PDB file of all heavy atoms in Angstrom:
ATOM      1  N   SER A   1       0.829  -1.274   0.028  1.00  0.00           N
ATOM      2  CA  SER A   1       0.011  -0.053  -0.036  1.00  0.00           C
ATOM      3  C   SER A   1       0.836   1.169  -0.108  1.00  0.00           C
ATOM      4  O   SER A   1       0.457   2.401   0.444  1.00  0.00           O
ATOM      5  CB  SER A   1      -0.890  -0.041   1.272  1.00  0.00           C
ATOM      6  OG  SER A   1      -0.194  -0.150   2.414  1.00  0.00           O
ATOM      7  N   ILE A   2       1.989   1.268  -0.521  1.00  0.00           N
ATOM      8  CA  ILE A   2       2.881   2.363  -0.529  1.00  0.00           C
ATOM      9  C   ILE A   2       2.305   3.548  -1.318  1.00  0.00           C
ATOM     10  O   ILE A   2       2.473   4.604  -0.963  1.00  0.00           O
ATOM     11  CB  ILE A   2       4.265   2.038  -1.134  1.00  0.00           C
ATOM     12  CG1 ILE A   2       5.284   3.173  -0.823  1.00  0.00           C
ATOM     13  CG2 ILE A   2       4.291   1.722  -2.617  1.00  0.00           C
ATOM     14  CD1 ILE A   2       5.767   3.295   0.697  1.00  0.00           C
ATOM     15  N   GLY A   3       1.382   3.207  -2.351  1.00  0.00           N
ATOM     16  CA  GLY A   3       0.735   4.204  -2.972  1.00  0.00           C
ATOM     17  C   GLY A   3      -0.278   5.155  -2.109  1.00  0.00           C
ATOM     18  O   GLY A   3      -0.572   6.166  -2.506  1.00  0.00           O
ATOM     19  N   ALA A   4      -0.727   4.530  -1.002  1.00  0.00           N
ATOM     20  CA  ALA A   4      -1.617   5.152  -0.127  1.00  0.00           C
ATOM     21  C   ALA A   4      -0.840   6.165   0.853  1.00  0.00           C
ATOM     22  O   ALA A   4      -1.582   6.950   1.486  1.00  0.00           O
ATOM     23  CB  ALA A   4      -2.335   4.114   0.662  1.00  0.00           C
ATOM     24  N   PHE A   5       0.388   6.047   0.949  1.00  0.00           N
ATOM     25  CA  PHE A   5       0.996   6.964   1.880  1.00  0.00           C
ATOM     26  C   PHE A   5       1.031   8.350   1.207  1.00  0.00           C
ATOM     27  O   PHE A   5       1.535   8.667   0.107  1.00  0.00           O
ATOM     28  CB  PHE A   5       2.566   6.480   1.953  1.00  0.00           C
ATOM     29  CG  PHE A   5       3.406   7.498   2.757  1.00  0.00           C
ATOM     30  CD1 PHE A   5       3.160   7.503   4.133  1.00  0.00           C
ATOM     31  CD2 PHE A   5       4.463   8.162   2.267  1.00  0.00           C
ATOM     32  CE1 PHE A   5       3.917   8.370   4.984  1.00  0.00           C
ATOM     33  CE2 PHE A   5       5.301   8.962   3.118  1.00  0.00           C
ATOM     34  CZ  PHE A   5       5.029   9.155   4.501  1.00  0.00           C
ATOM     35  N   ARG A   6       0.462   9.171   1.942  1.00  0.00           N
ATOM     36  CA  ARG A   6       0.206  10.605   1.471  1.00  0.00           C
ATOM     37  C   ARG A   6       1.307  11.685   1.934  1.00  0.00           C
ATOM     38  O   ARG A   6       1.253  12.884   1.518  1.00  0.00           O
ATOM     39  CB  ARG A   6      -1.143  11.060   1.957  1.00  0.00           C
ATOM     40  CG  ARG A   6      -2.257  10.228   1.385  1.00  0.00           C
ATOM     41  CD  ARG A   6      -3.637  10.872   1.772  1.00  0.00           C
ATOM     42  NE  ARG A   6      -3.771  10.866   3.177  1.00  0.00           N
ATOM     43  CZ  ARG A   6      -4.544  10.057   3.886  1.00  0.00           C
ATOM     44  NH1 ARG A   6      -5.344   9.187   3.334  1.00  0.00           N
ATOM     45  NH2 ARG A   6      -4.693  10.207   5.193  1.00  0.00           N
ATOM     46  N   GLY A   7       2.210  11.167   2.736  1.00  0.00           N
ATOM     47  CA  GLY A   7       3.262  12.120   3.298  1.00  0.00           C
ATOM     48  C   GLY A   7       2.900  13.179   4.249  1.00  0.00           C
ATOM     49  O   GLY A   7       3.535  14.022   4.488  1.00  0.00           O
ATOM     50  N   GLU A   8       1.673  12.881   4.870  1.00  0.00           N
ATOM     51  CA  GLU A   8       1.209  13.732   6.030  1.00  0.00           C
ATOM     52  C   GLU A   8       2.010  13.467   7.364  1.00  0.00           C
ATOM     53  O   GLU A   8       1.858  14.390   8.176  1.00  0.00           O
ATOM     54  CB  GLU A   8      -0.291  13.479   6.256  1.00  0.00           C
ATOM     55  CG  GLU A   8      -1.180  13.868   5.085  1.00  0.00           C
ATOM     56  CD  GLU A   8      -2.631  13.515   5.138  1.00  0.00           C
ATOM     57  OE1 GLU A   8      -2.909  12.870   6.210  1.00  0.00           O
ATOM     58  OE2 GLU A   8      -3.411  13.707   4.237  1.00  0.00           O
ATOM     59  N   CYS A   9       2.788  12.464   7.414  1.00  0.00           N
ATOM     60  CA  CYS A   9       3.681  12.183   8.457  1.00  0.00           C
ATOM     61  C   CYS A   9       4.952  11.641   8.047  1.00  0.00           C
ATOM     62  O   CYS A   9       5.011  11.333   6.827  1.00  0.00           O
ATOM     63  CB  CYS A   9       2.976  11.195   9.461  1.00  0.00           C
ATOM     64  SG  CYS A   9       2.701   9.679   8.911  1.00  0.00           S
ATOM     65  N   LYS A  10       5.945  11.599   8.933  1.00  0.00           N
ATOM     66  CA  LYS A  10       7.224  10.801   8.509  1.00  0.00           C
ATOM     67  C   LYS A  10       6.895   9.475   8.064  1.00  0.00           C
ATOM     68  O   LYS A  10       6.027   8.795   8.648  1.00  0.00           O
ATOM     69  CB  LYS A  10       8.222  10.789   9.668  1.00  0.00           C
ATOM     70  CG  LYS A  10       8.624  12.173  10.011  1.00  0.00           C
ATOM     71  CD  LYS A  10       9.666  12.108  11.121  1.00  0.00           C
ATOM     72  CE  LYS A  10      10.230  13.396  11.489  1.00  0.00           C
ATOM     73  NZ  LYS A  10      11.257  13.183  12.707  1.00  0.00           N
ATOM     74  N   LEU A  11       7.679   8.894   7.173  1.00  0.00           N
ATOM     75  CA  LEU A  11       7.514   7.576   6.687  1.00  0.00           C
ATOM     76  C   LEU A  11       7.803   6.611   7.862  1.00  0.00           C
ATOM     77  O   LEU A  11       7.003   5.628   7.958  1.00  0.00           O
ATOM     78  CB  LEU A  11       8.622   7.252   5.624  1.00  0.00           C
ATOM     79  CG  LEU A  11       8.479   5.915   4.985  1.00  0.00           C
ATOM     80  CD1 LEU A  11       7.065   5.639   4.345  1.00  0.00           C
ATOM     81  CD2 LEU A  11       9.591   5.784   3.816  1.00  0.00           C
ATOM     82  N   SER A  12       8.712   6.751   8.812  1.00  0.00           N
ATOM     83  CA  SER A  12       8.903   6.042   9.933  1.00  0.00           C
ATOM     84  C   SER A  12       7.730   5.889  10.825  1.00  0.00           C
ATOM     85  O   SER A  12       7.349   4.885  11.300  1.00  0.00           O
ATOM     86  CB  SER A  12      10.185   6.462  10.621  1.00  0.00           C
ATOM     87  OG  SER A  12       9.888   7.845  11.200  1.00  0.00           O
ATOM     88  N   VAL A  13       6.964   6.952  11.004  1.00  0.00           N
ATOM     89  CA  VAL A  13       5.715   7.079  11.786  1.00  0.00           C
ATOM     90  C   VAL A  13       4.654   6.236  11.120  1.00  0.00           C
ATOM     91  O   VAL A  13       4.040   5.483  11.728  1.00  0.00           O
ATOM     92  CB  VAL A  13       5.245   8.535  11.926  1.00  0.00           C
ATOM     93  CG1 VAL A  13       3.860   8.539  12.603  1.00  0.00           C
ATOM     94  CG2 VAL A  13       6.289   9.301  12.732  1.00  0.00           C
ATOM     95  N   TRP A  14       4.548   6.273   9.801  1.00  0.00           N
ATOM     96  CA  TRP A  14       3.541   5.550   9.020  1.00  0.00           C
ATOM     97  C   TRP A  14       3.838   3.993   9.225  1.00  0.00           C
ATOM     98  O   TRP A  14       2.919   3.263   9.493  1.00  0.00           O
ATOM     99  CB  TRP A  14       3.556   5.986   7.550  1.00  0.00           C
ATOM    100  CG  TRP A  14       2.569   5.247   6.738  1.00  0.00           C
ATOM    101  CD1 TRP A  14       1.291   5.494   6.718  1.00  0.00           C
ATOM    102  CD2 TRP A  14       2.841   4.365   5.563  1.00  0.00           C
ATOM    103  NE1 TRP A  14       0.578   4.678   5.721  1.00  0.00           N
ATOM    104  CE2 TRP A  14       1.686   4.122   5.083  1.00  0.00           C
ATOM    105  CE3 TRP A  14       3.978   3.908   5.043  1.00  0.00           C
ATOM    106  CZ2 TRP A  14       1.544   3.161   3.911  1.00  0.00           C
ATOM    107  CZ3 TRP A  14       3.880   3.087   4.062  1.00  0.00           C
ATOM    108  CH2 TRP A  14       2.663   2.727   3.452  1.00  0.00           C
ATOM    109  N   LEU A  15       5.095   3.677   9.113  1.00  0.00           N
ATOM    110  CA  LEU A  15       5.437   2.351   9.178  1.00  0.00           C
ATOM    111  C   LEU A  15       5.258   1.803  10.573  1.00  0.00           C
ATOM    112  O   LEU A  15       4.860   0.586  10.778  1.00  0.00           O
ATOM    113  CB  LEU A  15       6.937   2.050   8.905  1.00  0.00           C
ATOM    114  CG  LEU A  15       7.213   2.311   7.361  1.00  0.00           C
ATOM    115  CD1 LEU A  15       8.819   2.520   7.236  1.00  0.00           C
ATOM    116  CD2 LEU A  15       6.760   1.160   6.559  1.00  0.00           C
ATOM    117  N   CYS A  16       5.522   2.531  11.665  1.00  0.00           N
ATOM    118  CA  CYS A  16       5.210   2.247  12.963  1.00  0.00           C
ATOM    119  C   CYS A  16       3.792   2.097  13.264  1.00  0.00           C
ATOM    120  O   CYS A  16       3.390   1.262  14.074  1.00  0.00           O
ATOM    121  CB  CYS A  16       5.891   3.222  13.958  1.00  0.00           C
ATOM    122  SG  CYS A  16       7.713   2.948  14.092  1.00  0.00           S
ATOM    123  N   GLN A  17       2.897   2.933  12.665  1.00  0.00           N
ATOM    124  CA  GLN A  17       1.590   2.865  12.791  1.00  0.00           C
ATOM    125  C   GLN A  17       0.918   1.512  12.273  1.00  0.00           C
ATOM    126  O   GLN A  17       0.146   0.837  12.897  1.00  0.00           O
ATOM    127  CB  GLN A  17       0.722   3.977  12.163  1.00  0.00           C
ATOM    128  CG  GLN A  17       1.026   5.344  12.739  1.00  0.00           C
ATOM    129  CD  GLN A  17       0.486   6.483  12.039  1.00  0.00           C
ATOM    130  OE1 GLN A  17       0.330   6.397  10.867  1.00  0.00           O
ATOM    131  NE2 GLN A  17       0.000   7.547  12.756  1.00  0.00           N
ATOM    132  N   ILE A  18       1.599   1.018  11.053  1.00  0.00           N
ATOM    133  CA  ILE A  18       1.070  -0.193  10.552  1.00  0.00           C
ATOM    134  C   ILE A  18       1.585  -1.281  11.425  1.00  0.00           C
ATOM    135  O   ILE A  18       0.799  -2.203  11.698  1.00  0.00           O
ATOM    136  CB  ILE A  18       1.859  -0.313   9.172  1.00  0.00           C
ATOM    137  CG1 ILE A  18       1.226   0.696   8.152  1.00  0.00           C
ATOM    138  CG2 ILE A  18       1.570  -1.808   8.647  1.00  0.00           C
ATOM    139  CD1 ILE A  18       2.007   0.730   6.869  1.00  0.00           C
ATOM    140  N   ALA A  19       2.753  -1.278  11.918  1.00  0.00           N
ATOM    141  CA  ALA A  19       3.208  -2.339  12.917  1.00  0.00           C
ATOM    142  C   ALA A  19       2.399  -2.206  14.130  1.00  0.00           C
ATOM    143  O   ALA A  19       1.962  -3.457  14.648  1.00  0.00           O
ATOM    144  CB  ALA A  19       4.654  -2.034  13.348  1.00  0.00           C
ATOM    145  N   LYS A  20       2.063  -1.130  14.720  1.00  0.00           N
ATOM    146  CA  LYS A  20       1.138  -1.086  15.934  1.00  0.00           C
ATOM    147  C   LYS A  20      -0.157  -1.696  15.676  1.00  0.00           C
ATOM    148  O   LYS A  20      -0.686  -2.355  16.517  1.00  0.00           O
ATOM    149  CB  LYS A  20       1.031   0.384  16.257  1.00  0.00           C
ATOM    150  CG  LYS A  20       0.085   0.631  17.548  1.00  0.00           C
ATOM    151  CD  LYS A  20      -0.129   2.093  17.908  1.00  0.00           C
ATOM    152  CE  LYS A  20      -1.034   2.599  16.785  1.00  0.00           C
ATOM    153  NZ  LYS A  20      -1.477   3.902  17.088  1.00  0.00           N
ATOM    154  N   ASN A  21      -0.735  -1.408  14.466  1.00  0.00           N
ATOM    155  CA  ASN A  21      -2.073  -1.982  14.221  1.00  0.00           C
ATOM    156  C   ASN A  21      -2.070  -3.492  14.152  1.00  0.00           C
ATOM    157  O   ASN A  21      -2.890  -4.240  14.549  1.00  0.00           O
ATOM    158  CB  ASN A  21      -2.680  -1.344  12.884  1.00  0.00           C
ATOM    159  CG  ASN A  21      -3.115   0.021  13.088  1.00  0.00           C
ATOM    160  OD1 ASN A  21      -3.342   0.496  14.170  1.00  0.00           O
ATOM    161  ND2 ASN A  21      -3.080   0.812  11.946  1.00  0.00           N
ATOM    162  N   ILE A  22      -0.847  -4.051  13.493  1.00  0.00           N
ATOM    163  CA  ILE A  22      -0.752  -5.387  13.286  1.00  0.00           C
ATOM    164  C   ILE A  22      -0.579  -6.050  14.772  1.00  0.00           C
ATOM    165  O   ILE A  22      -1.195  -7.132  15.070  1.00  0.00           O
ATOM    166  CB  ILE A  22       0.486  -5.683  12.539  1.00  0.00           C
ATOM    167  CG1 ILE A  22       0.229  -5.369  10.953  1.00  0.00           C
ATOM    168  CG2 ILE A  22       0.863  -7.264  12.675  1.00  0.00           C
ATOM    169  CD1 ILE A  22       1.527  -5.463  10.093  1.00  0.00           C
ATOM    170  N   PHE A  23       0.271  -5.350  15.651  1.00  0.00           N
ATOM    171  CA  PHE A  23       0.458  -5.889  16.937  1.00  0.00           C
ATOM    172  C   PHE A  23      -0.909  -6.005  17.793  1.00  0.00           C
ATOM    173  O   PHE A  23      -1.228  -7.005  18.277  1.00  0.00           O
ATOM    174  CB  PHE A  23       1.408  -5.050  17.663  1.00  0.00           C
ATOM    175  CG  PHE A  23       1.367  -5.283  19.286  1.00  0.00           C
ATOM    176  CD1 PHE A  23       2.017  -6.408  19.768  1.00  0.00           C
ATOM    177  CD2 PHE A  23       0.754  -4.388  20.147  1.00  0.00           C
ATOM    178  CE1 PHE A  23       1.981  -6.723  21.115  1.00  0.00           C
ATOM    179  CE2 PHE A  23       0.605  -4.699  21.442  1.00  0.00           C
ATOM    180  CZ  PHE A  23       1.314  -5.761  22.008  1.00  0.00           C
ATOM    181  N   PHE A  24      -1.720  -4.920  17.734  1.00  0.00           N
ATOM    182  CA  PHE A  24      -2.925  -4.928  18.475  1.00  0.00           C
ATOM    183  C   PHE A  24      -3.902  -6.005  17.939  1.00  0.00           C
ATOM    184  O   PHE A  24      -4.619  -6.618  18.692  1.00  0.00           O
ATOM    185  CB  PHE A  24      -3.537  -3.544  18.559  1.00  0.00           C
ATOM    186  CG  PHE A  24      -2.914  -2.723  19.578  1.00  0.00           C
ATOM    187  CD1 PHE A  24      -2.298  -1.414  19.193  1.00  0.00           C
ATOM    188  CD2 PHE A  24      -2.763  -2.915  20.782  1.00  0.00           C
ATOM    189  CE1 PHE A  24      -1.657  -0.667  20.172  1.00  0.00           C
ATOM    190  CE2 PHE A  24      -2.053  -2.165  21.784  1.00  0.00           C
ATOM    191  CZ  PHE A  24      -1.562  -0.964  21.434  1.00  0.00           C
ATOM    192  N   THR A  25      -3.993  -5.982  16.583  1.00  0.00           N
ATOM    193  CA  THR A  25      -4.841  -7.193  16.044  1.00  0.00           C
ATOM    194  C   THR A  25      -4.398  -8.469  16.460  1.00  0.00           C
ATOM    195  O   THR A  25      -5.214  -9.266  16.875  1.00  0.00           O
ATOM    196  CB  THR A  25      -4.953  -6.881  14.447  1.00  0.00           C
ATOM    197  OG1 THR A  25      -5.270  -5.639  14.176  1.00  0.00           O
ATOM    198  CG2 THR A  25      -5.767  -8.051  13.921  1.00  0.00           C
ATOM    199  N   GLU A  26      -3.131  -8.779  16.344  1.00  0.00           N
ATOM    200  CA  GLU A  26      -2.543 -10.081  16.681  1.00  0.00           C
ATOM    201  C   GLU A  26      -2.762 -10.320  18.194  1.00  0.00           C
ATOM    202  O   GLU A  26      -3.176 -11.460  18.659  1.00  0.00           O
ATOM    203  CB  GLU A  26      -1.237 -10.236  16.200  1.00  0.00           C
ATOM    204  CG  GLU A  26      -0.655 -11.525  16.641  1.00  0.00           C
ATOM    205  CD  GLU A  26      -1.200 -12.756  15.817  1.00  0.00           C
ATOM    206  OE1 GLU A  26      -1.893 -12.609  14.809  1.00  0.00           O
ATOM    207  OE2 GLU A  26      -0.895 -13.908  16.359  1.00  0.00           O
ATOM    208  N   ALA A  27      -2.508  -9.336  19.026  1.00  0.00           N
ATOM    209  CA  ALA A  27      -2.723  -9.509  20.486  1.00  0.00           C
ATOM    210  C   ALA A  27      -4.072  -9.809  20.863  1.00  0.00           C
ATOM    211  O   ALA A  27      -4.305 -10.748  21.687  1.00  0.00           O
ATOM    212  CB  ALA A  27      -2.118  -8.227  21.284  1.00  0.00           C
TER     213      ALA A  27
END
């Protein structure tokens, strides 16, 4: 979904948000 990245935040923040969502879903 790299095409969905709008640049409204740092790329590292976007990646960490994705990881956080995966973590909470899996938890």
